[in-house]
N, C-alpha and C. Protein backbone atom coordinates (compact mmCIF):
# COMPACT_ATOMS: atom_id res chain seq x y z
N MET A 1 1.00 -1.31 -0.13
CA MET A 1 -0.79 -0.16 -0.21
C MET A 1 1.10 1.22 -0.25
N ILE A 2 1.46 1.93 -0.84
CA ILE A 2 1.66 2.86 -1.15
C ILE A 2 1.09 4.33 -0.96
N PRO A 3 1.25 4.67 0.34
CA PRO A 3 0.91 6.20 0.74
C PRO A 3 0.96 7.14 0.16
N VAL A 4 -0.05 7.43 -0.34
CA VAL A 4 -0.35 9.40 -1.09
C VAL A 4 -0.61 10.30 -0.70
N LEU A 5 -0.19 11.70 -0.62
CA LEU A 5 0.08 12.39 -0.03
C LEU A 5 -1.00 13.51 -0.77
N VAL A 6 -2.59 13.90 -0.11
CA VAL A 6 -3.32 14.07 -0.39
C VAL A 6 -3.22 15.99 -0.64
N LYS A 7 -2.77 17.07 -0.63
CA LYS A 7 -1.95 18.17 -0.13
C LYS A 7 -2.85 19.14 -0.09
N ASP A 8 -4.34 19.11 -0.21
CA ASP A 8 -5.44 19.65 -0.14
C ASP A 8 -5.75 19.29 1.75
N TYR A 9 -5.74 18.21 2.31
CA TYR A 9 -5.76 17.82 2.98
C TYR A 9 -4.92 18.27 4.27
N CYS A 10 -3.80 18.20 4.55
CA CYS A 10 -2.74 18.21 5.07
C CYS A 10 -2.75 19.41 5.45
N ILE A 11 -2.68 19.88 6.04
CA ILE A 11 -2.37 20.94 7.26
C ILE A 11 -1.27 21.66 7.72
N GLY A 12 -0.23 20.32 7.82
CA GLY A 12 1.73 20.66 8.46
C GLY A 12 1.40 19.91 9.69
N CYS A 13 0.43 19.28 10.78
CA CYS A 13 0.18 19.36 11.70
C CYS A 13 1.43 18.24 12.14
N GLY A 14 1.65 17.49 11.30
CA GLY A 14 3.30 16.81 11.82
C GLY A 14 2.71 15.33 12.69
N HIS A 15 1.83 15.52 12.49
CA HIS A 15 0.73 13.85 13.81
C HIS A 15 1.62 12.69 13.17
N CYS A 16 1.59 12.61 12.28
CA CYS A 16 1.76 11.30 11.33
C CYS A 16 3.77 11.12 11.66
N VAL A 17 4.58 12.50 11.61
CA VAL A 17 5.72 11.59 11.20
C VAL A 17 6.37 10.75 12.50
N PRO A 18 5.88 10.94 13.84
CA PRO A 18 6.37 10.18 15.29
C PRO A 18 6.45 8.89 14.81
N PHE A 19 4.64 8.68 13.60
CA PHE A 19 4.44 6.79 13.52
C PHE A 19 5.36 6.27 12.25
N CYS A 20 5.86 7.25 11.72
CA CYS A 20 6.96 6.39 10.52
C CYS A 20 8.46 5.48 11.37
N PRO A 21 8.47 3.98 11.09
CA PRO A 21 8.82 3.43 11.71
C PRO A 21 10.94 3.86 10.45
N GLN A 22 10.37 4.21 9.05
CA GLN A 22 11.51 4.77 8.78
C GLN A 22 11.68 5.81 8.80
N GLU A 23 11.09 6.43 9.21
CA GLU A 23 11.25 8.29 9.62
C GLU A 23 11.49 8.68 7.98
N ALA A 24 10.37 7.98 7.38
CA ALA A 24 10.48 8.93 5.40
C ALA A 24 9.67 10.12 5.40
N ILE A 25 8.84 10.74 6.55
CA ILE A 25 7.56 11.83 6.52
C ILE A 25 8.70 12.63 7.14
N THR A 26 8.40 14.07 6.52
CA THR A 26 8.93 15.45 7.05
C THR A 26 7.75 15.95 6.69
N VAL A 27 8.10 17.63 7.81
CA VAL A 27 7.01 18.47 7.50
C VAL A 27 7.59 19.66 7.97
N LEU A 28 7.32 20.48 6.35
CA LEU A 28 8.17 21.66 6.28
C LEU A 28 7.04 22.63 5.78
N GLY A 29 5.90 23.31 6.27
CA GLY A 29 4.75 23.46 5.74
C GLY A 29 3.84 22.00 5.48
N ARG A 30 4.00 21.52 4.57
CA ARG A 30 2.97 20.50 4.68
C ARG A 30 3.92 19.48 4.21
N ALA A 31 3.75 17.96 5.00
CA ALA A 31 4.32 16.81 4.92
C ALA A 31 4.41 16.43 3.63
N GLU A 32 5.49 15.86 3.73
CA GLU A 32 6.68 15.05 2.05
C GLU A 32 6.42 13.46 3.08
N ILE A 33 6.71 12.84 2.18
CA ILE A 33 6.75 11.31 2.20
C ILE A 33 8.02 10.54 0.81
N ASP A 34 9.45 10.85 1.55
CA ASP A 34 10.59 10.22 1.05
C ASP A 34 10.62 8.59 0.58
N GLY A 35 10.00 8.85 -1.26
CA GLY A 35 9.60 7.43 -1.78
C GLY A 35 10.70 6.25 -2.01
N GLU A 36 12.13 7.14 -1.55
CA GLU A 36 13.64 6.02 -1.41
C GLU A 36 13.43 5.39 -0.07
N THR A 37 12.25 6.15 0.85
CA THR A 37 13.00 5.77 2.22
C THR A 37 11.35 4.74 2.59
N CYS A 38 11.03 5.14 2.85
CA CYS A 38 8.90 4.65 2.47
C CYS A 38 9.75 3.31 2.24
N ILE A 39 8.98 2.22 3.83
CA ILE A 39 8.72 1.04 3.65
C ILE A 39 6.88 0.49 2.31
N GLU A 40 6.23 0.95 3.46
CA GLU A 40 4.91 1.13 2.41
C GLU A 40 4.25 0.08 3.75
N CYS A 41 4.48 0.06 4.16
CA CYS A 41 3.48 -0.36 6.11
C CYS A 41 2.53 0.38 6.10
N GLY A 42 1.83 1.75 5.92
CA GLY A 42 0.61 2.09 5.93
C GLY A 42 0.21 2.60 6.78
N ILE A 43 1.02 2.83 7.75
CA ILE A 43 1.35 3.54 9.37
C ILE A 43 0.84 4.91 9.59
N CYS A 44 1.13 5.34 8.02
CA CYS A 44 1.04 6.82 8.31
C CYS A 44 -0.56 7.10 8.08
N ILE A 45 -1.41 5.93 6.74
CA ILE A 45 -2.31 6.49 6.72
C ILE A 45 -3.46 5.95 7.91
N ILE A 46 -3.09 4.92 8.53
CA ILE A 46 -3.99 5.29 9.98
C ILE A 46 -3.87 6.12 11.01
N TYR A 47 -2.51 7.46 11.06
CA TYR A 47 -2.30 8.27 12.10
C TYR A 47 -2.79 9.62 11.13
N CYS A 48 -2.83 9.75 10.28
CA CYS A 48 -2.93 11.41 9.68
C CYS A 48 -4.25 11.22 10.09
N PRO A 49 -5.19 12.74 11.09
CA PRO A 49 -6.36 12.93 10.97
C PRO A 49 -6.66 13.89 10.53
N ASN A 50 -6.30 13.89 9.23
CA ASN A 50 -7.00 14.48 8.18
C ASN A 50 -6.92 13.79 6.94
N GLU A 51 -6.59 12.70 7.16
CA GLU A 51 -7.26 11.80 5.86
C GLU A 51 -5.74 12.22 4.83
N ALA A 52 -5.10 13.05 5.03
CA ALA A 52 -4.57 13.55 3.73
C ALA A 52 -3.31 12.34 3.47
N ILE A 53 -3.12 11.98 3.69
CA ILE A 53 -2.62 10.61 3.56
C ILE A 53 -3.15 9.29 3.21
N GLN A 54 -3.25 8.85 2.40
CA GLN A 54 -4.56 7.91 1.76
C GLN A 54 -3.75 6.96 0.68
N GLU A 55 -3.96 5.67 0.70
CA GLU A 55 -3.27 4.60 -0.06
C GLU A 55 -4.00 4.83 -1.57
N ASP A 56 -2.49 4.52 -2.02
CA ASP A 56 -2.74 4.76 -3.90
C ASP A 56 -3.76 3.68 -4.54
N GLY A 57 -4.30 4.65 -5.38
CA GLY A 57 -4.97 3.19 -5.84
C GLY A 57 -4.85 3.21 -6.88
N GLY A 58 -3.54 3.59 -7.83
CA GLY A 58 -3.19 3.20 -8.74
C GLY A 58 -1.58 1.78 -8.80
């Protein structure tokens, strides 16, 4: 499950950052997911309070 950031939903709260086991998420205004570091575990999808990180349907 590849996480995709929906930038219109992200408020830059950083709530997802401490839950990422690979430290693949940084927040500079909005969240950014490092595709090289991400292991596609989906934990960030579960913990995003605004549903700004979603499973890639493609």
